[in-house]
Amino acid sequence: QVQLVESGGGLVQPGGSLRLSCAASGIIFSIYTMAWYRQAPGKQRELVARITSGGSTNYADSVKGRFTISRDNAKNTVYLQMISLKPEDTAVYYCNTIPPRTASWGQGTQVTVSS
């Protein structure tokens, strides 16, 4: 059974930074394209960043230059480094594969950007 466990969220002031982690189990992690998604209150879940098995990355326009996705295949973990955070980055952040495994969404980790 695939499990995805996100951590690292919190409350941060505008301009601040956070690093999110997602530990995966139950899959051959290294062969999958992994992604971070987020869902803000009242909005649909959106794709934020993705990283292929070979390490190629893509980002939503709204986070380009501020967020960096990375992965450690030895630890079955994907990361999201976020800098210059804005109030509009406030959301629950999730990791999943591309395409997402609908039965494998974790609890997510809450990121709140507020002064």
N, C-alpha and C. Protein backbone atom coordinates (compact mmCIF):
# COMPACT_ATOMS: atom_id res chain seq x y z
N GLN A 1 0.85 -1.19 0.00
CA GLN A 1 0.00 0.00 0.00
C GLN A 1 0.88 1.24 0.00
N VAL A 2 0.55 2.17 -0.88
CA VAL A 2 1.35 3.39 -0.99
C VAL A 2 0.99 4.34 0.15
N GLN A 3 2.03 4.84 0.80
CA GLN A 3 1.83 5.86 1.83
C GLN A 3 2.70 7.07 1.53
N LEU A 4 2.12 8.24 1.66
CA LEU A 4 2.82 9.50 1.46
C LEU A 4 2.59 10.35 2.70
N VAL A 5 3.67 10.73 3.36
CA VAL A 5 3.57 11.47 4.62
C VAL A 5 4.32 12.79 4.48
N GLU A 6 3.55 13.87 4.51
CA GLU A 6 4.12 15.20 4.37
C GLU A 6 4.41 15.81 5.74
N SER A 7 5.43 16.66 5.79
CA SER A 7 5.78 17.35 7.03
C SER A 7 6.53 18.63 6.70
N GLY A 8 6.67 19.48 7.71
CA GLY A 8 7.49 20.68 7.55
C GLY A 8 6.72 21.98 7.43
N GLY A 9 5.40 21.91 7.39
CA GLY A 9 4.62 23.13 7.28
C GLY A 9 4.62 23.93 8.57
N GLY A 10 3.97 25.08 8.51
CA GLY A 10 3.89 25.92 9.70
C GLY A 10 3.42 27.31 9.36
N LEU A 11 3.53 28.18 10.36
CA LEU A 11 3.16 29.58 10.21
C LEU A 11 4.44 30.39 9.97
N VAL A 12 4.44 31.18 8.94
CA VAL A 12 5.62 31.97 8.61
C VAL A 12 5.18 33.35 8.13
N GLN A 13 6.02 34.33 8.38
CA GLN A 13 5.71 35.69 7.94
C GLN A 13 5.99 35.83 6.44
N PRO A 14 5.33 36.78 5.80
CA PRO A 14 5.64 37.04 4.38
C PRO A 14 7.13 37.30 4.21
N GLY A 15 7.68 36.71 3.15
CA GLY A 15 9.12 36.80 2.91
C GLY A 15 9.92 35.69 3.55
N GLY A 16 9.28 34.89 4.38
CA GLY A 16 9.97 33.81 5.08
C GLY A 16 10.15 32.57 4.22
N SER A 17 10.73 31.55 4.85
CA SER A 17 11.06 30.30 4.14
C SER A 17 10.58 29.09 4.92
N LEU A 18 10.33 28.03 4.20
CA LEU A 18 10.01 26.73 4.79
C LEU A 18 10.55 25.65 3.88
N ARG A 19 10.82 24.49 4.47
CA ARG A 19 11.21 23.33 3.68
C ARG A 19 10.27 22.18 4.02
N LEU A 20 9.54 21.73 3.02
CA LEU A 20 8.61 20.62 3.20
C LEU A 20 9.29 19.31 2.80
N SER A 21 8.88 18.23 3.47
CA SER A 21 9.38 16.90 3.15
C SER A 21 8.20 15.96 2.94
N CYS A 22 8.40 14.97 2.11
CA CYS A 22 7.39 13.95 1.88
C CYS A 22 8.08 12.60 1.79
N ALA A 23 7.76 11.74 2.73
CA ALA A 23 8.33 10.39 2.76
C ALA A 23 7.36 9.42 2.11
N ALA A 24 7.84 8.66 1.16
CA ALA A 24 7.01 7.71 0.43
C ALA A 24 7.38 6.28 0.78
N SER A 25 6.38 5.43 0.82
CA SER A 25 6.61 4.00 1.02
C SER A 25 5.60 3.23 0.19
N GLY A 26 5.93 1.99 -0.11
CA GLY A 26 5.01 1.14 -0.86
C GLY A 26 5.11 1.29 -2.36
N ILE A 27 6.07 2.09 -2.85
CA ILE A 27 6.30 2.23 -4.28
C ILE A 27 7.79 2.17 -4.56
N ILE A 28 8.12 1.88 -5.81
CA ILE A 28 9.53 1.96 -6.22
C ILE A 28 9.77 3.43 -6.54
N PHE A 29 10.09 4.16 -5.49
CA PHE A 29 10.10 5.63 -5.53
C PHE A 29 10.94 6.17 -6.68
N SER A 30 12.08 5.57 -6.90
CA SER A 30 13.05 6.15 -7.83
C SER A 30 12.57 6.22 -9.27
N ILE A 31 11.57 5.45 -9.64
CA ILE A 31 11.15 5.43 -11.04
C ILE A 31 10.01 6.40 -11.33
N TYR A 32 9.47 6.99 -10.27
CA TYR A 32 8.30 7.85 -10.44
C TYR A 32 8.65 9.32 -10.55
N THR A 33 7.89 10.03 -11.41
CA THR A 33 7.85 11.48 -11.32
C THR A 33 7.02 11.85 -10.10
N MET A 34 7.60 12.65 -9.24
CA MET A 34 6.93 13.08 -8.01
C MET A 34 6.56 14.56 -8.11
N ALA A 35 5.57 14.94 -7.35
CA ALA A 35 5.09 16.32 -7.43
C ALA A 35 4.59 16.81 -6.09
N TRP A 36 4.61 18.10 -5.96
CA TRP A 36 3.94 18.79 -4.86
C TRP A 36 2.71 19.49 -5.42
N TYR A 37 1.62 19.35 -4.69
CA TYR A 37 0.36 20.00 -5.01
C TYR A 37 -0.02 20.85 -3.80
N ARG A 38 -0.95 21.77 -4.01
CA ARG A 38 -1.48 22.52 -2.88
C ARG A 38 -2.95 22.84 -3.11
N GLN A 39 -3.64 23.01 -2.00
CA GLN A 39 -5.06 23.36 -2.05
C GLN A 39 -5.33 24.45 -1.03
N ALA A 40 -5.71 25.60 -1.54
CA ALA A 40 -6.07 26.72 -0.68
C ALA A 40 -7.56 26.64 -0.37
N PRO A 41 -7.98 27.27 0.72
CA PRO A 41 -9.40 27.24 1.09
C PRO A 41 -10.28 27.73 -0.05
N GLY A 42 -11.30 26.94 -0.38
CA GLY A 42 -12.24 27.32 -1.41
C GLY A 42 -11.75 27.19 -2.84
N LYS A 43 -10.55 26.61 -3.00
CA LYS A 43 -9.99 26.47 -4.34
C LYS A 43 -9.69 25.01 -4.65
N GLN A 44 -9.53 24.73 -5.93
CA GLN A 44 -9.17 23.38 -6.35
C GLN A 44 -7.70 23.12 -6.08
N ARG A 45 -7.38 21.85 -5.90
CA ARG A 45 -5.99 21.46 -5.73
C ARG A 45 -5.23 21.77 -7.02
N GLU A 46 -4.02 22.30 -6.89
CA GLU A 46 -3.23 22.65 -8.05
C GLU A 46 -1.83 22.07 -7.96
N LEU A 47 -1.25 21.82 -9.12
CA LEU A 47 0.11 21.31 -9.19
C LEU A 47 1.08 22.47 -9.01
N VAL A 48 2.03 22.31 -8.11
CA VAL A 48 2.99 23.37 -7.80
C VAL A 48 4.33 23.11 -8.47
N ALA A 49 4.82 21.86 -8.34
CA ALA A 49 6.15 21.54 -8.87
C ALA A 49 6.23 20.04 -9.10
N ARG A 50 7.06 19.66 -10.05
CA ARG A 50 7.25 18.24 -10.32
C ARG A 50 8.73 17.96 -10.57
N ILE A 51 9.13 16.73 -10.30
CA ILE A 51 10.50 16.30 -10.57
C ILE A 51 10.48 14.89 -11.12
N THR A 52 11.14 14.70 -12.24
CA THR A 52 11.15 13.38 -12.87
C THR A 52 12.13 12.46 -12.17
N SER A 53 12.13 11.21 -12.58
CA SER A 53 13.06 10.25 -12.01
C SER A 53 14.51 10.66 -12.31
N GLY A 54 14.69 11.37 -13.41
CA GLY A 54 16.03 11.81 -13.78
C GLY A 54 16.43 13.14 -13.20
N GLY A 55 15.50 13.78 -12.47
CA GLY A 55 15.83 15.03 -11.81
C GLY A 55 15.41 16.30 -12.54
N SER A 56 14.73 16.17 -13.68
CA SER A 56 14.23 17.36 -14.36
C SER A 56 13.05 17.93 -13.59
N THR A 57 12.97 19.25 -13.56
CA THR A 57 11.95 19.91 -12.75
C THR A 57 11.10 20.88 -13.58
N ASN A 58 9.87 21.07 -13.11
CA ASN A 58 8.96 22.06 -13.69
C ASN A 58 8.18 22.70 -12.55
N TYR A 59 7.81 23.96 -12.75
CA TYR A 59 7.12 24.71 -11.70
C TYR A 59 5.92 25.47 -12.27
N ALA A 60 4.93 25.66 -11.42
CA ALA A 60 3.85 26.56 -11.76
C ALA A 60 4.41 27.97 -11.85
N ASP A 61 3.84 28.77 -12.74
CA ASP A 61 4.35 30.13 -12.93
C ASP A 61 4.34 30.92 -11.62
N SER A 62 3.36 30.65 -10.78
CA SER A 62 3.20 31.42 -9.54
C SER A 62 4.33 31.19 -8.54
N VAL A 63 5.10 30.12 -8.71
CA VAL A 63 6.16 29.82 -7.72
C VAL A 63 7.55 29.79 -8.33
N LYS A 64 7.65 29.98 -9.64
CA LYS A 64 8.96 29.95 -10.29
C LYS A 64 9.91 30.97 -9.66
N GLY A 65 11.12 30.53 -9.41
CA GLY A 65 12.12 31.39 -8.82
C GLY A 65 12.06 31.47 -7.31
N ARG A 66 11.00 30.91 -6.72
CA ARG A 66 10.86 30.95 -5.26
C ARG A 66 10.86 29.55 -4.64
N PHE A 67 10.36 28.58 -5.36
CA PHE A 67 10.27 27.20 -4.85
C PHE A 67 11.26 26.31 -5.60
N THR A 68 11.82 25.36 -4.88
CA THR A 68 12.72 24.39 -5.49
C THR A 68 12.34 22.99 -5.02
N ILE A 69 12.06 22.12 -5.99
CA ILE A 69 11.75 20.74 -5.67
C ILE A 69 13.00 19.89 -5.84
N SER A 70 13.18 18.92 -4.95
CA SER A 70 14.32 18.02 -5.04
C SER A 70 13.91 16.66 -4.49
N ARG A 71 14.76 15.68 -4.71
CA ARG A 71 14.43 14.34 -4.24
C ARG A 71 15.70 13.62 -3.79
N ASP A 72 15.51 12.69 -2.85
CA ASP A 72 16.58 11.82 -2.38
C ASP A 72 16.06 10.40 -2.53
N ASN A 73 16.47 9.73 -3.58
CA ASN A 73 15.93 8.39 -3.85
C ASN A 73 16.38 7.37 -2.80
N ALA A 74 17.50 7.62 -2.17
CA ALA A 74 17.97 6.70 -1.13
C ALA A 74 17.07 6.75 0.10
N LYS A 75 16.43 7.89 0.28
CA LYS A 75 15.54 8.07 1.45
C LYS A 75 14.07 8.03 1.05
N ASN A 76 13.78 7.78 -0.22
CA ASN A 76 12.39 7.79 -0.70
C ASN A 76 11.66 9.06 -0.28
N THR A 77 12.33 10.19 -0.46
CA THR A 77 11.79 11.46 0.04
C THR A 77 11.90 12.53 -1.04
N VAL A 78 10.85 13.34 -1.13
CA VAL A 78 10.86 14.50 -2.01
C VAL A 78 10.70 15.75 -1.14
N TYR A 79 11.38 16.80 -1.53
CA TYR A 79 11.40 18.04 -0.75
C TYR A 79 10.85 19.21 -1.57
N LEU A 80 10.41 20.23 -0.84
CA LEU A 80 10.04 21.49 -1.48
C LEU A 80 10.60 22.62 -0.63
N GLN A 81 11.63 23.25 -1.15
CA GLN A 81 12.19 24.43 -0.48
C GLN A 81 11.44 25.65 -0.97
N MET A 82 10.91 26.42 -0.04
CA MET A 82 10.11 27.59 -0.40
C MET A 82 10.73 28.82 0.24
N ILE A 83 11.00 29.82 -0.57
CA ILE A 83 11.52 31.09 -0.07
C ILE A 83 10.62 32.22 -0.54
N SER A 84 10.84 33.39 0.03
CA SER A 84 10.04 34.58 -0.35
C SER A 84 8.56 34.27 -0.36
N LEU A 85 8.11 33.64 0.70
CA LEU A 85 6.72 33.21 0.76
C LEU A 85 5.77 34.39 0.80
N LYS A 86 4.61 34.20 0.17
CA LYS A 86 3.59 35.23 0.07
C LYS A 86 2.30 34.73 0.72
N PRO A 87 1.44 35.62 1.15
CA PRO A 87 0.15 35.18 1.73
C PRO A 87 -0.62 34.26 0.79
N GLU A 88 -0.49 34.46 -0.50
CA GLU A 88 -1.22 33.62 -1.44
C GLU A 88 -0.65 32.21 -1.56
N ASP A 89 0.48 31.95 -0.91
CA ASP A 89 1.00 30.59 -0.84
C ASP A 89 0.34 29.78 0.27
N THR A 90 -0.49 30.42 1.06
CA THR A 90 -1.18 29.72 2.13
C THR A 90 -2.07 28.62 1.57
N ALA A 91 -1.85 27.40 2.04
CA ALA A 91 -2.58 26.23 1.53
C ALA A 91 -2.13 24.99 2.30
N VAL A 92 -2.86 23.91 2.06
CA VAL A 92 -2.37 22.61 2.49
C VAL A 92 -1.57 22.03 1.33
N TYR A 93 -0.37 21.59 1.62
CA TYR A 93 0.54 21.08 0.60
C TYR A 93 0.59 19.55 0.69
N TYR A 94 0.50 18.93 -0.47
CA TYR A 94 0.51 17.48 -0.59
C TYR A 94 1.58 17.04 -1.59
N CYS A 95 2.07 15.85 -1.40
CA CYS A 95 2.89 15.25 -2.45
C CYS A 95 2.15 14.04 -3.02
N ASN A 96 2.49 13.71 -4.25
CA ASN A 96 1.92 12.55 -4.91
C ASN A 96 2.70 12.30 -6.18
N THR A 97 2.36 11.25 -6.86
CA THR A 97 3.01 10.94 -8.13
C THR A 97 2.37 11.77 -9.25
N ILE A 98 2.96 11.66 -10.42
CA ILE A 98 2.36 12.20 -11.64
C ILE A 98 2.06 11.01 -12.55
N PRO A 99 0.81 10.73 -12.92
CA PRO A 99 -0.40 11.35 -12.40
C PRO A 99 -0.63 10.94 -10.95
N PRO A 100 -1.43 11.68 -10.22
CA PRO A 100 -1.60 11.37 -8.80
C PRO A 100 -2.36 10.07 -8.57
N ARG A 101 -1.94 9.34 -7.55
CA ARG A 101 -2.65 8.14 -7.11
C ARG A 101 -3.79 8.60 -6.20
N THR A 102 -5.01 8.48 -6.68
CA THR A 102 -6.13 9.08 -5.96
C THR A 102 -6.34 8.46 -4.59
N ALA A 103 -5.95 7.21 -4.42
CA ALA A 103 -6.14 6.54 -3.13
C ALA A 103 -4.99 6.80 -2.18
N SER A 104 -4.00 7.58 -2.61
CA SER A 104 -2.79 7.72 -1.82
C SER A 104 -2.55 9.12 -1.29
N TRP A 105 -3.53 10.01 -1.42
CA TRP A 105 -3.34 11.36 -0.87
C TRP A 105 -3.14 11.24 0.64
N GLY A 106 -2.10 11.93 1.13
CA GLY A 106 -1.84 11.94 2.56
C GLY A 106 -2.64 13.03 3.24
N GLN A 107 -2.27 13.32 4.48
CA GLN A 107 -2.95 14.36 5.25
C GLN A 107 -2.53 15.75 4.80
N GLY A 108 -1.39 15.83 4.15
CA GLY A 108 -0.88 17.13 3.77
C GLY A 108 -0.23 17.84 4.94
N THR A 109 0.38 18.97 4.63
CA THR A 109 0.97 19.80 5.68
C THR A 109 0.55 21.24 5.43
N GLN A 110 0.08 21.89 6.49
CA GLN A 110 -0.48 23.24 6.36
C GLN A 110 0.64 24.27 6.33
N VAL A 111 0.58 25.14 5.34
CA VAL A 111 1.49 26.29 5.26
C VAL A 111 0.63 27.55 5.34
N THR A 112 0.93 28.36 6.33
CA THR A 112 0.21 29.62 6.51
C THR A 112 1.20 30.77 6.48
N VAL A 113 0.99 31.69 5.56
CA VAL A 113 1.87 32.85 5.42
C VAL A 113 1.08 34.08 5.85
N SER A 114 1.45 34.62 6.98
CA SER A 114 0.70 35.73 7.54
C SER A 114 1.57 36.52 8.51
N SER A 115 1.32 37.81 8.57
CA SER A 115 2.03 38.64 9.54
C SER A 115 1.20 38.77 10.82
